[in-house]
Amino acid sequence: MADFVRAVDQGTTSTRSWSSTTWATRSPSTSSSTSRPVVAETTALGAAYAAGLAAGFWRDTTELRANWRESRRWEPTWSADRRAAGHAGWKKAVDRTLDWVDVG
């Protein structure tokens, strides 16, 4: 299990879109776990929490943290060597696309 957890939200976490597949295929190549919350609209949730704190509905942020729940987690599975080789291949592909087209 990784020491660091990447939290993803909103459009990148929709369970009915390509994004779940994206995280399932992307996370094995990372060095950190990827966590999707139950409530994916964290921007709206954060605004609601801020309003609730300001109005005194919530006592403090500890109460808010207690509400957070994880819906799904993906774990890295690639070795450091495989990750390095994959990154090198990705960089090589990006380098080959540079200066492909003259702009201007």
N, C-alpha and C. Protein backbone atom coordinates (compact mmCIF):
# COMPACT_ATOMS: atom_id res chain seq x y z
N MET A 1 0.84 -1.18 0.00
CA MET A 1 0.00 0.00 0.00
C MET A 1 0.88 1.24 0.00
N ALA A 2 0.47 2.25 -0.72
CA ALA A 2 1.25 3.48 -0.84
C ALA A 2 1.12 4.34 0.41
N ASP A 3 2.13 5.18 0.63
CA ASP A 3 2.11 6.10 1.78
C ASP A 3 1.24 7.32 1.50
N PHE A 4 1.11 7.68 0.25
CA PHE A 4 0.38 8.88 -0.15
C PHE A 4 -0.91 8.46 -0.85
N VAL A 5 -2.00 9.16 -0.56
CA VAL A 5 -3.27 8.87 -1.22
C VAL A 5 -3.68 10.07 -2.05
N ARG A 6 -3.86 9.85 -3.34
CA ARG A 6 -4.33 10.90 -4.25
C ARG A 6 -5.86 10.88 -4.19
N ALA A 7 -6.45 12.02 -3.87
CA ALA A 7 -7.91 12.13 -3.83
C ALA A 7 -8.39 12.71 -5.15
N VAL A 8 -9.36 12.05 -5.76
CA VAL A 8 -9.92 12.52 -7.02
C VAL A 8 -11.38 12.86 -6.79
N ASP A 9 -11.90 13.81 -7.57
CA ASP A 9 -13.28 14.21 -7.38
C ASP A 9 -13.91 14.67 -8.68
N GLN A 10 -15.14 15.01 -8.61
CA GLN A 10 -15.96 15.54 -9.70
C GLN A 10 -15.90 14.69 -10.96
N GLY A 11 -15.68 15.31 -12.11
CA GLY A 11 -15.77 14.60 -13.38
C GLY A 11 -14.86 13.40 -13.51
N THR A 12 -13.72 13.43 -12.83
CA THR A 12 -12.79 12.31 -12.97
C THR A 12 -13.20 11.10 -12.16
N THR A 13 -14.33 11.16 -11.48
CA THR A 13 -14.70 10.06 -10.62
C THR A 13 -16.06 9.45 -10.93
N SER A 14 -16.72 9.95 -11.92
CA SER A 14 -18.07 9.45 -12.23
C SER A 14 -18.06 7.94 -12.42
N THR A 15 -18.93 7.25 -11.73
CA THR A 15 -18.97 5.79 -11.82
C THR A 15 -19.59 5.33 -13.13
N ARG A 16 -20.30 6.21 -13.82
CA ARG A 16 -20.94 5.81 -15.07
C ARG A 16 -20.22 6.34 -16.29
N SER A 17 -18.99 6.71 -16.14
CA SER A 17 -18.25 7.24 -17.28
C SER A 17 -16.94 6.47 -17.46
N TRP A 18 -16.22 6.89 -18.47
CA TRP A 18 -14.93 6.27 -18.75
C TRP A 18 -13.94 6.48 -17.63
N SER A 19 -14.21 7.44 -16.73
CA SER A 19 -13.21 7.81 -15.73
C SER A 19 -12.91 6.72 -14.72
N SER A 20 -13.89 5.90 -14.37
CA SER A 20 -13.59 4.79 -13.45
C SER A 20 -12.57 3.86 -14.09
N THR A 21 -12.73 3.61 -15.37
CA THR A 21 -11.77 2.78 -16.10
C THR A 21 -10.42 3.48 -16.14
N THR A 22 -10.45 4.80 -16.32
CA THR A 22 -9.20 5.57 -16.35
C THR A 22 -8.42 5.37 -15.06
N TRP A 23 -9.08 5.51 -13.92
CA TRP A 23 -8.37 5.36 -12.65
C TRP A 23 -7.95 3.91 -12.41
N ALA A 24 -8.78 2.98 -12.83
CA ALA A 24 -8.44 1.57 -12.65
C ALA A 24 -7.21 1.19 -13.47
N THR A 25 -7.03 1.82 -14.63
CA THR A 25 -5.87 1.51 -15.46
C THR A 25 -4.68 2.43 -15.17
N ARG A 26 -4.94 3.60 -14.64
CA ARG A 26 -3.86 4.56 -14.37
C ARG A 26 -3.20 4.33 -13.03
N SER A 27 -3.97 4.00 -12.02
CA SER A 27 -3.43 3.86 -10.67
C SER A 27 -2.33 2.82 -10.52
N PRO A 28 -2.40 1.68 -11.21
CA PRO A 28 -1.32 0.71 -11.05
C PRO A 28 0.05 1.26 -11.41
N SER A 29 0.09 2.26 -12.30
CA SER A 29 1.37 2.80 -12.76
C SER A 29 1.87 3.96 -11.91
N THR A 30 1.13 4.33 -10.88
CA THR A 30 1.55 5.43 -10.02
C THR A 30 2.23 4.89 -8.76
N SER A 31 2.76 5.78 -7.97
CA SER A 31 3.38 5.36 -6.72
C SER A 31 2.49 5.70 -5.53
N SER A 32 1.24 6.07 -5.80
CA SER A 32 0.32 6.41 -4.71
C SER A 32 -1.05 5.79 -4.94
N SER A 33 -1.76 5.58 -3.86
CA SER A 33 -3.14 5.11 -3.95
C SER A 33 -4.00 6.24 -4.50
N THR A 34 -5.13 5.87 -5.09
CA THR A 34 -6.07 6.86 -5.59
C THR A 34 -7.42 6.57 -4.93
N SER A 35 -7.99 7.59 -4.32
CA SER A 35 -9.23 7.43 -3.57
C SER A 35 -10.34 8.30 -4.15
N ARG A 36 -11.51 7.70 -4.31
CA ARG A 36 -12.69 8.44 -4.79
C ARG A 36 -13.68 8.52 -3.63
N PRO A 37 -14.15 9.74 -3.30
CA PRO A 37 -15.12 9.88 -2.21
C PRO A 37 -16.53 9.48 -2.65
N VAL A 38 -17.39 9.19 -1.69
CA VAL A 38 -18.80 8.90 -1.98
C VAL A 38 -19.44 10.11 -2.64
N VAL A 39 -19.19 11.30 -2.08
CA VAL A 39 -19.72 12.54 -2.66
C VAL A 39 -18.64 13.12 -3.57
N ALA A 40 -18.84 12.98 -4.88
CA ALA A 40 -17.83 13.41 -5.83
C ALA A 40 -17.83 14.91 -6.06
N GLU A 41 -18.93 15.58 -5.81
CA GLU A 41 -19.01 17.03 -6.04
C GLU A 41 -18.44 17.77 -4.83
N THR A 42 -17.14 17.69 -4.67
CA THR A 42 -16.51 18.26 -3.48
C THR A 42 -16.48 19.78 -3.46
N THR A 43 -16.55 20.41 -4.62
CA THR A 43 -16.60 21.88 -4.63
C THR A 43 -17.90 22.35 -4.00
N ALA A 44 -19.01 21.78 -4.43
CA ALA A 44 -20.32 22.15 -3.87
C ALA A 44 -20.39 21.76 -2.40
N LEU A 45 -19.86 20.60 -2.08
CA LEU A 45 -19.87 20.15 -0.69
C LEU A 45 -19.05 21.08 0.19
N GLY A 46 -17.90 21.50 -0.32
CA GLY A 46 -17.05 22.43 0.44
C GLY A 46 -17.75 23.76 0.69
N ALA A 47 -18.47 24.27 -0.30
CA ALA A 47 -19.22 25.51 -0.13
C ALA A 47 -20.31 25.33 0.93
N ALA A 48 -20.99 24.19 0.88
CA ALA A 48 -22.04 23.92 1.87
C ALA A 48 -21.44 23.79 3.27
N TYR A 49 -20.30 23.12 3.36
CA TYR A 49 -19.64 23.00 4.67
C TYR A 49 -19.21 24.36 5.20
N ALA A 50 -18.66 25.21 4.32
CA ALA A 50 -18.23 26.54 4.76
C ALA A 50 -19.42 27.35 5.27
N ALA A 51 -20.53 27.27 4.56
CA ALA A 51 -21.74 27.98 5.00
C ALA A 51 -22.23 27.42 6.33
N GLY A 52 -22.19 26.11 6.47
CA GLY A 52 -22.62 25.49 7.72
C GLY A 52 -21.73 25.87 8.89
N LEU A 53 -20.42 25.98 8.64
CA LEU A 53 -19.50 26.43 9.70
C LEU A 53 -19.80 27.88 10.08
N ALA A 54 -20.00 28.73 9.06
CA ALA A 54 -20.27 30.15 9.32
C ALA A 54 -21.58 30.34 10.08
N ALA A 55 -22.57 29.50 9.80
CA ALA A 55 -23.87 29.62 10.44
C ALA A 55 -23.92 28.91 11.80
N GLY A 56 -22.87 28.21 12.13
CA GLY A 56 -22.83 27.51 13.40
C GLY A 56 -23.47 26.12 13.38
N PHE A 57 -23.84 25.65 12.21
CA PHE A 57 -24.43 24.31 12.10
C PHE A 57 -23.40 23.25 12.47
N TRP A 58 -22.15 23.44 12.02
CA TRP A 58 -21.04 22.56 12.37
C TRP A 58 -20.19 23.25 13.42
N ARG A 59 -19.76 22.52 14.43
CA ARG A 59 -18.91 23.13 15.47
C ARG A 59 -17.51 23.43 14.95
N ASP A 60 -16.93 22.49 14.22
CA ASP A 60 -15.57 22.67 13.72
C ASP A 60 -15.31 21.70 12.57
N THR A 61 -14.12 21.79 12.02
CA THR A 61 -13.80 20.95 10.86
C THR A 61 -13.66 19.46 11.23
N THR A 62 -13.49 19.16 12.49
CA THR A 62 -13.43 17.76 12.91
C THR A 62 -14.75 17.06 12.59
N GLU A 63 -15.85 17.75 12.81
CA GLU A 63 -17.17 17.18 12.47
C GLU A 63 -17.28 16.93 10.97
N LEU A 64 -16.74 17.84 10.19
CA LEU A 64 -16.80 17.69 8.74
C LEU A 64 -15.99 16.49 8.28
N ARG A 65 -14.80 16.34 8.83
CA ARG A 65 -13.94 15.21 8.46
C ARG A 65 -14.61 13.88 8.78
N ALA A 66 -15.40 13.85 9.84
CA ALA A 66 -16.09 12.62 10.23
C ALA A 66 -17.14 12.21 9.20
N ASN A 67 -17.58 13.13 8.35
CA ASN A 67 -18.59 12.84 7.33
C ASN A 67 -18.01 12.22 6.07
N TRP A 68 -16.70 12.34 5.87
CA TRP A 68 -16.09 11.88 4.62
C TRP A 68 -16.09 10.36 4.57
N ARG A 69 -16.50 9.82 3.41
CA ARG A 69 -16.48 8.38 3.19
C ARG A 69 -15.86 8.07 1.84
N GLU A 70 -15.13 7.00 1.80
CA GLU A 70 -14.49 6.58 0.55
C GLU A 70 -15.43 5.64 -0.20
N SER A 71 -15.58 5.89 -1.50
CA SER A 71 -16.39 5.04 -2.35
C SER A 71 -15.55 3.93 -2.97
N ARG A 72 -14.36 4.29 -3.41
CA ARG A 72 -13.51 3.34 -4.13
C ARG A 72 -12.05 3.74 -3.97
N ARG A 73 -11.18 2.75 -3.95
CA ARG A 73 -9.74 3.02 -3.88
C ARG A 73 -9.02 2.11 -4.87
N TRP A 74 -8.09 2.71 -5.57
CA TRP A 74 -7.23 1.95 -6.47
C TRP A 74 -5.82 2.00 -5.92
N GLU A 75 -5.13 0.87 -5.95
CA GLU A 75 -3.78 0.79 -5.41
C GLU A 75 -2.75 0.64 -6.53
N PRO A 76 -1.56 1.19 -6.33
CA PRO A 76 -0.50 0.99 -7.32
C PRO A 76 -0.04 -0.46 -7.29
N THR A 77 0.26 -1.00 -8.44
CA THR A 77 0.71 -2.39 -8.50
C THR A 77 2.03 -2.56 -9.25
N TRP A 78 2.46 -1.53 -9.96
CA TRP A 78 3.70 -1.64 -10.72
C TRP A 78 4.92 -1.46 -9.81
N SER A 79 5.99 -2.18 -10.12
CA SER A 79 7.25 -2.02 -9.40
C SER A 79 7.86 -0.67 -9.80
N ALA A 80 8.82 -0.22 -9.03
CA ALA A 80 9.50 1.04 -9.33
C ALA A 80 10.18 0.97 -10.70
N ASP A 81 10.76 -0.18 -11.03
CA ASP A 81 11.42 -0.34 -12.34
C ASP A 81 10.41 -0.27 -13.48
N ARG A 82 9.27 -0.92 -13.31
CA ARG A 82 8.25 -0.88 -14.36
C ARG A 82 7.70 0.54 -14.52
N ARG A 83 7.51 1.24 -13.39
CA ARG A 83 7.05 2.63 -13.43
C ARG A 83 8.04 3.51 -14.17
N ALA A 84 9.34 3.34 -13.87
CA ALA A 84 10.39 4.14 -14.53
C ALA A 84 10.42 3.86 -16.03
N ALA A 85 10.28 2.60 -16.42
CA ALA A 85 10.27 2.26 -17.84
C ALA A 85 9.04 2.84 -18.53
N GLY A 86 7.90 2.76 -17.88
CA GLY A 86 6.68 3.34 -18.44
C GLY A 86 6.78 4.85 -18.60
N HIS A 87 7.36 5.51 -17.60
CA HIS A 87 7.53 6.96 -17.67
C HIS A 87 8.50 7.34 -18.78
N ALA A 88 9.57 6.56 -18.92
CA ALA A 88 10.54 6.83 -19.98
C ALA A 88 9.88 6.68 -21.36
N GLY A 89 9.04 5.66 -21.51
CA GLY A 89 8.32 5.47 -22.77
C GLY A 89 7.35 6.60 -23.05
N TRP A 90 6.68 7.06 -22.00
CA TRP A 90 5.75 8.20 -22.14
C TRP A 90 6.52 9.45 -22.57
N LYS A 91 7.65 9.73 -21.91
CA LYS A 91 8.45 10.90 -22.27
C LYS A 91 8.93 10.82 -23.71
N LYS A 92 9.34 9.62 -24.14
CA LYS A 92 9.80 9.42 -25.51
C LYS A 92 8.66 9.74 -26.50
N ALA A 93 7.45 9.29 -26.18
CA ALA A 93 6.30 9.56 -27.04
C ALA A 93 5.99 11.06 -27.09
N VAL A 94 6.07 11.73 -25.96
CA VAL A 94 5.83 13.18 -25.93
C VAL A 94 6.90 13.90 -26.74
N ASP A 95 8.16 13.53 -26.55
CA ASP A 95 9.25 14.16 -27.30
C ASP A 95 9.06 14.03 -28.81
N ARG A 96 8.55 12.91 -29.24
CA ARG A 96 8.34 12.69 -30.68
C ARG A 96 7.23 13.58 -31.24
N THR A 97 6.34 14.05 -30.39
CA THR A 97 5.26 14.92 -30.88
C THR A 97 5.66 16.40 -30.92
N LEU A 98 6.72 16.75 -30.25
CA LEU A 98 7.14 18.16 -30.21
C LEU A 98 7.66 18.59 -31.58
N ASP A 99 7.35 19.81 -31.94
CA ASP A 99 7.79 20.40 -33.22
C ASP A 99 7.29 19.63 -34.43
N TRP A 100 6.21 18.88 -34.28
CA TRP A 100 5.64 18.13 -35.38
C TRP A 100 5.02 19.07 -36.41
N VAL A 101 4.38 20.11 -35.88
CA VAL A 101 3.69 21.07 -36.74
C VAL A 101 4.25 22.46 -36.45
N ASP A 102 4.50 23.21 -37.51
CA ASP A 102 4.91 24.59 -37.32
C ASP A 102 3.68 25.44 -37.09
N VAL A 103 3.69 26.18 -36.00
CA VAL A 103 2.56 27.05 -35.67
C VAL A 103 3.00 28.48 -35.87
N GLY A 104 2.20 29.23 -36.61
CA GLY A 104 2.52 30.64 -36.72
C GLY A 104 2.58 31.18 -38.09
